[in-house]
Amino acid sequence: MVAQGGSPLTPLAQDALDALATAFRDEREFTYEQAYAILKEKEDLGRPAAEDIIERLYNKGHLYEVEGKLRLTDYGFTR
């Protein structure tokens, strides 16, 4: 998925987005800590790398924050 007007994600960022979308498919929102834990478990990313990926996904419009919790933008499950 590419945000409107955005550039494509790196393979690592896309894998991270896929992992988050799969893990939180039925959730409306999740905490940063939950996101870091999923990225550690599924993508073997340490905390600094997970924070960087979350920031990239946020800046590219794939995630947004509401009252300190993260939400995924509309994500098509095509895989």
N, C-alpha and C. Protein backbone atom coordinates (compact mmCIF):
# COMPACT_ATOMS: atom_id res chain seq x y z
N MET A 1 0.85 -1.19 0.00
CA MET A 1 0.00 0.00 0.00
C MET A 1 0.88 1.23 0.00
N VAL A 2 0.56 2.19 -0.79
CA VAL A 2 1.28 3.46 -0.85
C VAL A 2 0.29 4.56 -0.52
N ALA A 3 0.65 5.41 0.44
CA ALA A 3 -0.21 6.52 0.78
C ALA A 3 -0.34 7.43 -0.43
N GLN A 4 -1.47 8.07 -0.56
CA GLN A 4 -1.67 8.96 -1.70
C GLN A 4 -0.56 9.99 -1.76
N GLY A 5 0.11 10.07 -2.89
CA GLY A 5 1.16 11.04 -3.07
C GLY A 5 2.46 10.66 -2.38
N GLY A 6 2.51 9.51 -1.74
CA GLY A 6 3.71 9.10 -1.03
C GLY A 6 4.57 8.19 -1.87
N SER A 7 5.79 8.02 -1.41
CA SER A 7 6.69 7.11 -2.10
C SER A 7 6.50 5.71 -1.53
N PRO A 8 6.87 4.72 -2.31
CA PRO A 8 6.72 3.34 -1.83
C PRO A 8 7.58 3.12 -0.58
N LEU A 9 7.16 2.17 0.21
CA LEU A 9 7.90 1.82 1.41
C LEU A 9 9.09 0.94 1.05
N THR A 10 10.11 0.97 1.89
CA THR A 10 11.21 0.02 1.75
C THR A 10 10.67 -1.37 2.06
N PRO A 11 11.36 -2.41 1.62
CA PRO A 11 10.89 -3.76 1.93
C PRO A 11 10.74 -4.00 3.44
N LEU A 12 11.66 -3.50 4.24
CA LEU A 12 11.57 -3.67 5.69
C LEU A 12 10.35 -2.95 6.26
N ALA A 13 10.11 -1.74 5.82
CA ALA A 13 8.95 -0.99 6.29
C ALA A 13 7.66 -1.66 5.85
N GLN A 14 7.62 -2.19 4.62
CA GLN A 14 6.43 -2.90 4.15
C GLN A 14 6.19 -4.16 4.96
N ASP A 15 7.25 -4.89 5.25
CA ASP A 15 7.12 -6.09 6.09
C ASP A 15 6.60 -5.74 7.47
N ALA A 16 7.10 -4.64 8.03
CA ALA A 16 6.65 -4.19 9.35
C ALA A 16 5.17 -3.79 9.30
N LEU A 17 4.78 -3.08 8.27
CA LEU A 17 3.38 -2.69 8.12
C LEU A 17 2.49 -3.92 7.99
N ASP A 18 2.92 -4.88 7.20
CA ASP A 18 2.16 -6.12 7.05
C ASP A 18 2.02 -6.85 8.39
N ALA A 19 3.12 -6.90 9.16
CA ALA A 19 3.09 -7.57 10.46
C ALA A 19 2.11 -6.87 11.41
N LEU A 20 2.14 -5.55 11.43
CA LEU A 20 1.22 -4.79 12.29
C LEU A 20 -0.22 -4.98 11.84
N ALA A 21 -0.45 -4.91 10.55
CA ALA A 21 -1.81 -5.05 10.02
C ALA A 21 -2.37 -6.43 10.31
N THR A 22 -1.54 -7.44 10.21
CA THR A 22 -1.99 -8.80 10.50
C THR A 22 -2.26 -8.97 11.99
N ALA A 23 -1.34 -8.49 12.81
CA ALA A 23 -1.49 -8.64 14.26
C ALA A 23 -2.69 -7.88 14.81
N PHE A 24 -2.96 -6.73 14.23
CA PHE A 24 -4.03 -5.88 14.75
C PHE A 24 -5.21 -5.79 13.78
N ARG A 25 -5.40 -6.82 13.01
CA ARG A 25 -6.46 -6.86 12.00
C ARG A 25 -7.83 -6.55 12.59
N ASP A 26 -8.10 -7.07 13.78
CA ASP A 26 -9.41 -6.90 14.40
C ASP A 26 -9.44 -5.81 15.47
N GLU A 27 -8.31 -5.14 15.67
CA GLU A 27 -8.23 -4.11 16.70
C GLU A 27 -8.43 -2.73 16.07
N ARG A 28 -9.07 -1.88 16.79
CA ARG A 28 -9.26 -0.51 16.32
C ARG A 28 -8.00 0.33 16.57
N GLU A 29 -7.34 0.07 17.69
CA GLU A 29 -6.14 0.83 18.03
C GLU A 29 -5.23 -0.04 18.88
N PHE A 30 -3.97 0.39 18.98
CA PHE A 30 -2.98 -0.35 19.75
C PHE A 30 -1.95 0.63 20.27
N THR A 31 -1.24 0.23 21.31
CA THR A 31 -0.25 1.11 21.92
C THR A 31 1.08 1.00 21.17
N TYR A 32 1.91 1.97 21.42
CA TYR A 32 3.26 1.91 20.87
C TYR A 32 3.96 0.65 21.37
N GLU A 33 3.80 0.33 22.65
CA GLU A 33 4.45 -0.85 23.23
C GLU A 33 4.00 -2.12 22.53
N GLN A 34 2.72 -2.22 22.22
CA GLN A 34 2.22 -3.39 21.49
C GLN A 34 2.85 -3.45 20.10
N ALA A 35 2.97 -2.31 19.45
CA ALA A 35 3.58 -2.27 18.11
C ALA A 35 5.04 -2.70 18.18
N TYR A 36 5.78 -2.19 19.17
CA TYR A 36 7.19 -2.57 19.31
C TYR A 36 7.32 -4.07 19.57
N ALA A 37 6.43 -4.62 20.39
CA ALA A 37 6.47 -6.05 20.70
C ALA A 37 6.22 -6.89 19.44
N ILE A 38 5.26 -6.48 18.62
CA ILE A 38 4.98 -7.22 17.38
C ILE A 38 6.18 -7.15 16.44
N LEU A 39 6.78 -5.98 16.31
CA LEU A 39 7.93 -5.84 15.42
C LEU A 39 9.13 -6.63 15.94
N LYS A 40 9.27 -6.75 17.24
CA LYS A 40 10.33 -7.57 17.83
C LYS A 40 10.07 -9.04 17.51
N GLU A 41 8.83 -9.48 17.74
CA GLU A 41 8.48 -10.88 17.55
C GLU A 41 8.49 -11.30 16.08
N LYS A 42 7.86 -10.51 15.24
CA LYS A 42 7.66 -10.91 13.84
C LYS A 42 8.81 -10.52 12.91
N GLU A 43 9.46 -9.40 13.21
CA GLU A 43 10.50 -8.89 12.30
C GLU A 43 11.88 -8.84 12.95
N ASP A 44 11.98 -9.28 14.21
CA ASP A 44 13.24 -9.30 14.95
C ASP A 44 13.90 -7.92 15.00
N LEU A 45 13.08 -6.90 15.21
CA LEU A 45 13.60 -5.53 15.30
C LEU A 45 13.76 -5.13 16.75
N GLY A 46 14.92 -4.60 17.09
CA GLY A 46 15.13 -4.06 18.42
C GLY A 46 14.37 -2.75 18.58
N ARG A 47 14.34 -2.24 19.79
CA ARG A 47 13.54 -1.05 20.09
C ARG A 47 13.90 0.15 19.21
N PRO A 48 15.19 0.50 19.04
CA PRO A 48 15.48 1.67 18.19
C PRO A 48 15.01 1.50 16.75
N ALA A 49 15.20 0.31 16.20
CA ALA A 49 14.77 0.07 14.81
C ALA A 49 13.24 0.10 14.71
N ALA A 50 12.57 -0.48 15.71
CA ALA A 50 11.10 -0.48 15.71
C ALA A 50 10.57 0.94 15.82
N GLU A 51 11.18 1.75 16.67
CA GLU A 51 10.76 3.15 16.79
C GLU A 51 10.93 3.88 15.47
N ASP A 52 12.05 3.63 14.79
CA ASP A 52 12.30 4.26 13.49
C ASP A 52 11.25 3.84 12.46
N ILE A 53 10.94 2.57 12.40
CA ILE A 53 9.95 2.08 11.44
C ILE A 53 8.57 2.67 11.74
N ILE A 54 8.19 2.70 13.02
CA ILE A 54 6.89 3.28 13.40
C ILE A 54 6.85 4.75 12.96
N GLU A 55 7.92 5.47 13.20
CA GLU A 55 7.97 6.87 12.79
C GLU A 55 7.85 7.02 11.27
N ARG A 56 8.52 6.16 10.53
CA ARG A 56 8.43 6.22 9.06
C ARG A 56 7.01 5.93 8.58
N LEU A 57 6.39 4.91 9.17
CA LEU A 57 5.02 4.57 8.79
C LEU A 57 4.06 5.70 9.14
N TYR A 58 4.29 6.34 10.27
CA TYR A 58 3.48 7.48 10.68
C TYR A 58 3.66 8.65 9.70
N ASN A 59 4.90 8.97 9.39
CA ASN A 59 5.20 10.09 8.50
C ASN A 59 4.69 9.87 7.08
N LYS A 60 4.60 8.63 6.65
CA LYS A 60 4.10 8.32 5.30
C LYS A 60 2.60 8.11 5.27
N GLY A 61 1.93 8.26 6.43
CA GLY A 61 0.48 8.20 6.46
C GLY A 61 -0.12 6.81 6.61
N HIS A 62 0.69 5.82 6.95
CA HIS A 62 0.18 4.46 7.12
C HIS A 62 -0.35 4.24 8.54
N LEU A 63 0.13 5.04 9.47
CA LEU A 63 -0.33 5.01 10.86
C LEU A 63 -0.73 6.42 11.25
N TYR A 64 -1.63 6.51 12.20
CA TYR A 64 -1.92 7.81 12.80
C TYR A 64 -2.17 7.60 14.28
N GLU A 65 -2.10 8.67 15.04
CA GLU A 65 -2.20 8.60 16.48
C GLU A 65 -3.46 9.31 16.96
N VAL A 66 -4.15 8.67 17.91
CA VAL A 66 -5.32 9.25 18.55
C VAL A 66 -5.17 9.01 20.05
N GLU A 67 -5.07 10.10 20.79
CA GLU A 67 -4.96 10.04 22.24
C GLU A 67 -3.87 9.07 22.71
N GLY A 68 -2.72 9.15 22.07
CA GLY A 68 -1.57 8.36 22.47
C GLY A 68 -1.56 6.92 21.99
N LYS A 69 -2.54 6.52 21.19
CA LYS A 69 -2.57 5.17 20.65
C LYS A 69 -2.50 5.24 19.13
N LEU A 70 -1.98 4.18 18.55
CA LEU A 70 -1.82 4.12 17.10
C LEU A 70 -3.00 3.44 16.44
N ARG A 71 -3.27 3.87 15.24
CA ARG A 71 -4.28 3.23 14.39
C ARG A 71 -3.69 3.10 12.99
N LEU A 72 -4.10 2.06 12.30
CA LEU A 72 -3.71 1.88 10.91
C LEU A 72 -4.68 2.63 10.03
N THR A 73 -4.16 3.25 8.98
CA THR A 73 -5.06 3.81 7.98
C THR A 73 -5.69 2.63 7.25
N ASP A 74 -6.64 2.88 6.39
CA ASP A 74 -7.28 1.78 5.66
C ASP A 74 -6.21 0.93 5.02
N TYR A 75 -6.26 -0.34 5.30
CA TYR A 75 -5.23 -1.25 4.83
C TYR A 75 -5.90 -2.41 4.12
N GLY A 76 -5.57 -2.57 2.85
CA GLY A 76 -6.16 -3.66 2.08
C GLY A 76 -5.38 -4.95 2.29
N PHE A 77 -6.05 -5.99 2.71
CA PHE A 77 -5.41 -7.27 2.90
C PHE A 77 -5.44 -8.03 1.58
N THR A 78 -4.42 -7.80 0.77
CA THR A 78 -4.37 -8.43 -0.54
C THR A 78 -3.35 -9.56 -0.57
N ARG A 79 -2.64 -9.75 0.50
CA ARG A 79 -1.61 -10.79 0.52
C ARG A 79 -2.10 -12.03 1.20
